Protein backbone atom coordinates (compact mmCIF):
# COMPACT_ATOMS: atom_id res chain seq x y z
CA UNK A 1 0.16 -0.17 -0.05
CA UNK A 2 1.11 3.62 -1.05
CA UNK A 3 0.95 6.33 1.64
CA UNK A 4 -1.42 8.91 0.79
CA UNK A 5 -1.86 12.56 2.38
CA UNK A 6 -5.08 12.65 3.87
CA UNK A 7 -6.02 15.62 1.76
CA UNK A 8 -7.82 15.53 -1.77
CA UNK A 9 -5.38 15.54 -4.90
CA UNK A 10 -7.98 18.47 -6.07
CA UNK A 11 -7.52 20.66 -2.84
CA UNK A 12 -3.91 20.14 -3.12
CA UNK A 13 -3.54 20.82 -6.79
CA UNK A 14 -5.93 24.14 -6.40
CA UNK A 15 -3.57 25.36 -3.36
CA UNK A 16 -0.99 24.95 -5.39
CA UNK A 17 -2.76 26.62 -8.54
CA UNK A 18 -3.54 29.66 -6.23
CA UNK A 19 -0.02 30.24 -5.12
CA UNK A 20 1.41 30.10 -8.50
CA UNK A 21 -1.30 33.00 -8.77
CA UNK A 22 0.12 34.64 -6.84
CA UNK A 23 3.68 34.25 -7.55
CA UNK A 24 2.45 35.83 -10.86
CA UNK A 25 1.00 38.31 -9.30
CA UNK A 26 4.45 38.92 -7.29
CA UNK A 27 6.47 38.89 -9.96
CA UNK A 28 4.03 41.41 -11.64
CA UNK A 29 3.97 43.84 -8.88
CA UNK A 30 8.13 43.52 -8.23
CA UNK A 31 8.50 44.38 -12.07
CA UNK A 32 7.12 47.95 -11.39
CA UNK A 33 9.49 48.61 -8.32
CA UNK A 34 13.28 49.97 -8.73
CA UNK A 35 15.63 47.61 -6.59
CA UNK A 36 18.26 48.68 -8.39
CA UNK A 37 20.43 45.54 -8.72
CA UNK A 38 18.45 43.18 -7.84
CA UNK A 39 15.78 43.24 -9.90
CA UNK A 40 16.69 40.07 -11.82
CA UNK A 41 17.65 38.20 -8.51
CA UNK A 42 14.14 38.66 -7.10
CA UNK A 43 12.58 37.87 -10.80
CA UNK A 44 14.42 34.90 -10.40
CA UNK A 45 13.87 33.83 -7.38
CA UNK A 46 10.51 33.86 -7.33
CA UNK A 47 10.62 32.12 -10.78
CA UNK A 48 12.66 29.05 -9.01
CA UNK A 49 9.98 29.06 -6.45
CA UNK A 50 7.27 28.36 -9.14
CA UNK A 51 8.81 26.20 -10.52
CA UNK A 52 9.43 24.11 -7.50
CA UNK A 53 5.87 24.10 -6.74
CA UNK A 54 5.48 22.60 -10.32
CA UNK A 55 7.60 19.75 -10.35
CA UNK A 56 6.90 18.98 -6.96
CA UNK A 57 3.17 18.46 -7.44
CA UNK A 58 1.85 18.90 -10.81
CA UNK A 59 4.85 16.44 -12.12
CA UNK A 60 4.60 13.79 -8.34
CA UNK A 61 8.08 14.40 -7.81
CA UNK A 62 7.10 14.71 -3.98
CA UNK A 63 6.24 11.28 -2.84
CA UNK A 64 8.16 9.89 -5.57
CA UNK A 65 10.28 6.36 -4.55
CA UNK A 66 12.35 5.40 -7.56
CA UNK A 67 15.79 6.58 -7.16
CA UNK A 68 16.27 7.34 -11.03
CA UNK A 69 13.79 10.42 -10.46
CA UNK A 70 15.21 11.75 -7.05
CA UNK A 71 18.86 11.36 -9.35
CA UNK A 72 16.91 13.62 -12.25
CA UNK A 73 15.59 15.91 -10.30
CA UNK A 74 19.02 16.75 -8.23
CA UNK A 75 21.13 16.75 -10.91
CA UNK A 76 18.99 19.74 -12.64
CA UNK A 77 18.36 21.45 -9.48
CA UNK A 78 22.27 21.49 -9.77
CA UNK A 79 22.76 22.28 -13.77
CA UNK A 80 19.83 25.28 -12.52
CA UNK A 81 22.06 26.69 -9.89
CA UNK A 82 24.81 26.71 -12.57
CA UNK A 83 22.80 28.57 -14.94
CA UNK A 84 22.09 30.93 -12.28
CA UNK A 85 25.08 31.70 -10.36
CA UNK A 86 26.86 32.21 -13.92
CA UNK A 87 23.31 34.04 -15.21
CA UNK A 88 24.36 36.69 -11.95
CA UNK A 89 28.08 36.85 -12.64
CA UNK A 90 27.41 37.81 -16.36
CA UNK A 91 24.87 40.29 -14.76
CA UNK A 92 27.17 41.84 -12.16
CA UNK A 93 30.25 42.51 -13.96
CA UNK A 94 28.51 43.97 -17.10
CA UNK A 95 29.59 47.64 -17.69
CA UNK A 96 26.31 49.69 -17.60
CA UNK A 97 26.92 53.10 -18.96
């Protein structure tokens, strides 16, 4: 027998969907704020949180028992972090005139 949470899947999906909508609205509102050099970092942070929610719940990574799924997720997170670090390094070293 597999162990499932006591809440209904529909309630979980609606909750995650609402969180994604809130994240989209926060991204929209933050785009109009002048955060200086942190605009890109804030936008990427919000996008990463939203992508994590999608992967965990809609792609059923949360609760997966297969070890290969965990290897794929860990490698994807590693390459995402590598991409973000290199992007921020490029962004931070550009000469803005």
